[in-house]
């Protein structure tokens, strides 16, 4: 899976775009260009299409694990984030999207 993700660090107005390579109802695997800290909170926007409709989900996530730096050309720092605040409507959209992938 390769989903565009826009992220903002809390207390920052600068956004960055990355790709999520793994998604579940509980979180994402994202390759960040810089090292994140475990426990760090991020505002995320996840973009995906479901049928002919483009969807955007906004949520608050927490970095729960980080991996070693993978070096140039590998996408940076592999990190796992868990969702800590997502609206019921956005969770429904995400569930529908994930379900569509398994069909």
C-alpha atoms as a PDB file:
ATOM      1  CA  UNK A   1       0.000   0.000   0.000  1.00  0.00           C
ATOM      2  CA  UNK A   2       1.240   3.475  -0.764  1.00  0.00           C
ATOM      3  CA  UNK A   3      -0.919   6.270   0.646  1.00  0.00           C
ATOM      4  CA  UNK A   4      -0.086   9.976   0.698  1.00  0.00           C
ATOM      5  CA  UNK A   5       0.051  11.393   4.217  1.00  0.00           C
ATOM      6  CA  UNK A   6       0.459  15.036   5.165  1.00  0.00           C
ATOM      7  CA  UNK A   7       1.729  15.608   8.685  1.00  0.00           C
ATOM      8  CA  UNK A   8       2.210  18.543  11.000  1.00  0.00           C
ATOM      9  CA  UNK A   9       4.174  18.411  14.190  1.00  0.00           C
ATOM     10  CA  UNK A  10       2.209  19.846  17.105  1.00  0.00           C
ATOM     11  CA  UNK A  11       2.862  23.595  17.528  1.00  0.00           C
ATOM     12  CA  UNK A  12       4.147  23.889  13.943  1.00  0.00           C
ATOM     13  CA  UNK A  13       2.436  25.342  10.902  1.00  0.00           C
ATOM     14  CA  UNK A  14       4.800  23.597   8.486  1.00  0.00           C
ATOM     15  CA  UNK A  15       3.397  20.529   6.782  1.00  0.00           C
ATOM     16  CA  UNK A  16       5.305  17.686   5.165  1.00  0.00           C
ATOM     17  CA  UNK A  17       4.073  15.010   2.790  1.00  0.00           C
ATOM     18  CA  UNK A  18       5.147  11.386   3.096  1.00  0.00           C
ATOM     19  CA  UNK A  19       3.794   7.991   2.165  1.00  0.00           C
ATOM     20  CA  UNK A  20       2.246   5.441   4.483  1.00  0.00           C
ATOM     21  CA  UNK A  21       3.157   1.919   3.468  1.00  0.00           C
ATOM     22  CA  UNK A  22       0.959   0.038   5.888  1.00  0.00           C
ATOM     23  CA  UNK A  23      -2.386   0.986   7.408  1.00  0.00           C
ATOM     24  CA  UNK A  24      -4.807  -0.543   9.879  1.00  0.00           C
ATOM     25  CA  UNK A  25      -7.732   0.676  11.938  1.00  0.00           C
ATOM     26  CA  UNK A  26      -5.275   1.479  14.706  1.00  0.00           C
ATOM     27  CA  UNK A  27      -2.335   3.146  12.990  1.00  0.00           C
ATOM     28  CA  UNK A  28       0.166   3.548  10.168  1.00  0.00           C
ATOM     29  CA  UNK A  29       3.721   2.679   9.178  1.00  0.00           C
ATOM     30  CA  UNK A  30       5.308   5.862   7.791  1.00  0.00           C
ATOM     31  CA  UNK A  31       8.788   6.645   6.506  1.00  0.00           C
ATOM     32  CA  UNK A  32       9.689  10.116   7.837  1.00  0.00           C
ATOM     33  CA  UNK A  33      12.601  12.204   6.516  1.00  0.00           C
ATOM     34  CA  UNK A  34      13.606  13.090  10.083  1.00  0.00           C
ATOM     35  CA  UNK A  35      13.742  11.054  13.260  1.00  0.00           C
ATOM     36  CA  UNK A  36      10.653  11.314  15.420  1.00  0.00           C
ATOM     37  CA  UNK A  37      10.536  10.786  19.162  1.00  0.00           C
ATOM     38  CA  UNK A  38       8.516   8.038  20.798  1.00  0.00           C
ATOM     39  CA  UNK A  39       5.474   9.691  22.354  1.00  0.00           C
ATOM     40  CA  UNK A  40       5.526  12.597  19.888  1.00  0.00           C
ATOM     41  CA  UNK A  41       2.075  13.682  18.666  1.00  0.00           C
ATOM     42  CA  UNK A  42       1.410  14.491  15.011  1.00  0.00           C
ATOM     43  CA  UNK A  43      -1.593  15.865  13.170  1.00  0.00           C
ATOM     44  CA  UNK A  44      -2.118  13.713  10.076  1.00  0.00           C
ATOM     45  CA  UNK A  45      -4.155  13.950   6.895  1.00  0.00           C
ATOM     46  CA  UNK A  46      -4.493  10.670   5.042  1.00  0.00           C
ATOM     47  CA  UNK A  47      -5.578  10.722   1.375  1.00  0.00           C
ATOM     48  CA  UNK A  48      -7.106   7.771  -0.492  1.00  0.00           C
ATOM     49  CA  UNK A  49      -9.679   6.986  -3.144  1.00  0.00           C
ATOM     50  CA  UNK A  50     -12.631   4.713  -2.578  1.00  0.00           C
ATOM     51  CA  UNK A  51     -14.368   4.016  -5.857  1.00  0.00           C
ATOM     52  CA  UNK A  52     -14.464   7.307  -7.745  1.00  0.00           C
ATOM     53  CA  UNK A  53     -14.400   9.393  -4.560  1.00  0.00           C
ATOM     54  CA  UNK A  54     -11.278  11.032  -3.106  1.00  0.00           C
ATOM     55  CA  UNK A  55     -11.321  10.909   0.701  1.00  0.00           C
ATOM     56  CA  UNK A  56      -9.342  12.821   3.291  1.00  0.00           C
ATOM     57  CA  UNK A  57      -9.137  11.743   6.910  1.00  0.00           C
ATOM     58  CA  UNK A  58      -7.761  14.022   9.609  1.00  0.00           C
ATOM     59  CA  UNK A  59      -6.554  12.633  12.916  1.00  0.00           C
ATOM     60  CA  UNK A  60      -4.145  12.940  15.797  1.00  0.00           C
ATOM     61  CA  UNK A  61      -1.522  10.207  16.070  1.00  0.00           C
ATOM     62  CA  UNK A  62       1.273   9.284  18.462  1.00  0.00           C
ATOM     63  CA  UNK A  63       4.643   7.834  17.476  1.00  0.00           C
ATOM     64  CA  UNK A  64       4.866   4.483  19.272  1.00  0.00           C
ATOM     65  CA  UNK A  65       8.027   3.006  17.736  1.00  0.00           C
ATOM     66  CA  UNK A  66      10.924   4.042  15.552  1.00  0.00           C
ATOM     67  CA  UNK A  67      13.367   1.956  13.573  1.00  0.00           C
ATOM     68  CA  UNK A  68      16.965   2.580  12.636  1.00  0.00           C
ATOM     69  CA  UNK A  69      17.739   5.143   9.953  1.00  0.00           C
ATOM     70  CA  UNK A  70      17.575   3.314   6.646  1.00  0.00           C
ATOM     71  CA  UNK A  71      19.924   5.638   4.770  1.00  0.00           C
ATOM     72  CA  UNK A  72      19.630   7.661   1.593  1.00  0.00           C
ATOM     73  CA  UNK A  73      17.254   6.246  -0.972  1.00  0.00           C
ATOM     74  CA  UNK A  74      15.290   4.180   1.562  1.00  0.00           C
ATOM     75  CA  UNK A  75      12.903   6.915   2.684  1.00  0.00           C
ATOM     76  CA  UNK A  76      14.450   7.910   5.980  1.00  0.00           C
ATOM     77  CA  UNK A  77      13.182   6.778   9.363  1.00  0.00           C
ATOM     78  CA  UNK A  78      10.585   4.013   9.573  1.00  0.00           C
ATOM     79  CA  UNK A  79       8.093   4.743  12.354  1.00  0.00           C
ATOM     80  CA  UNK A  80       4.834   3.359  13.652  1.00  0.00           C
ATOM     81  CA  UNK A  81       2.078   5.716  14.723  1.00  0.00           C
ATOM     82  CA  UNK A  82      -1.161   4.879  16.489  1.00  0.00           C
ATOM     83  CA  UNK A  83      -4.356   6.854  16.163  1.00  0.00           C
ATOM     84  CA  UNK A  84      -5.312   8.644  19.362  1.00  0.00           C
ATOM     85  CA  UNK A  85      -8.068  10.967  18.111  1.00  0.00           C
ATOM     86  CA  UNK A  86     -10.133  10.257  15.008  1.00  0.00           C
ATOM     87  CA  UNK A  87     -13.776  11.142  14.400  1.00  0.00           C
ATOM     88  CA  UNK A  88     -16.314   8.322  14.066  1.00  0.00           C
ATOM     89  CA  UNK A  89     -17.032   9.446  10.481  1.00  0.00           C
ATOM     90  CA  UNK A  90     -13.345   9.336   9.517  1.00  0.00           C
ATOM     91  CA  UNK A  91     -12.961   5.932  11.185  1.00  0.00           C
ATOM     92  CA  UNK A  92     -15.887   4.655   9.110  1.00  0.00           C
ATOM     93  CA  UNK A  93     -14.214   5.943   5.929  1.00  0.00           C
ATOM     94  CA  UNK A  94     -10.963   4.232   6.893  1.00  0.00           C
ATOM     95  CA  UNK A  95     -12.707   0.931   7.682  1.00  0.00           C
ATOM     96  CA  UNK A  96     -14.547   1.036   4.341  1.00  0.00           C
ATOM     97  CA  UNK A  97     -11.279   1.714   2.522  1.00  0.00           C
ATOM     98  CA  UNK A  98      -9.425  -1.103   4.280  1.00  0.00           C
ATOM     99  CA  UNK A  99     -12.311  -3.481   3.625  1.00  0.00           C
ATOM    100  CA  UNK A 100     -12.238  -2.577  -0.090  1.00  0.00           C
ATOM    101  CA  UNK A 101      -8.565  -3.586  -0.256  1.00  0.00           C
ATOM    102  CA  UNK A 102      -9.316  -7.111   0.925  1.00  0.00           C
ATOM    103  CA  UNK A 103     -12.036  -7.698  -1.692  1.00  0.00           C
END
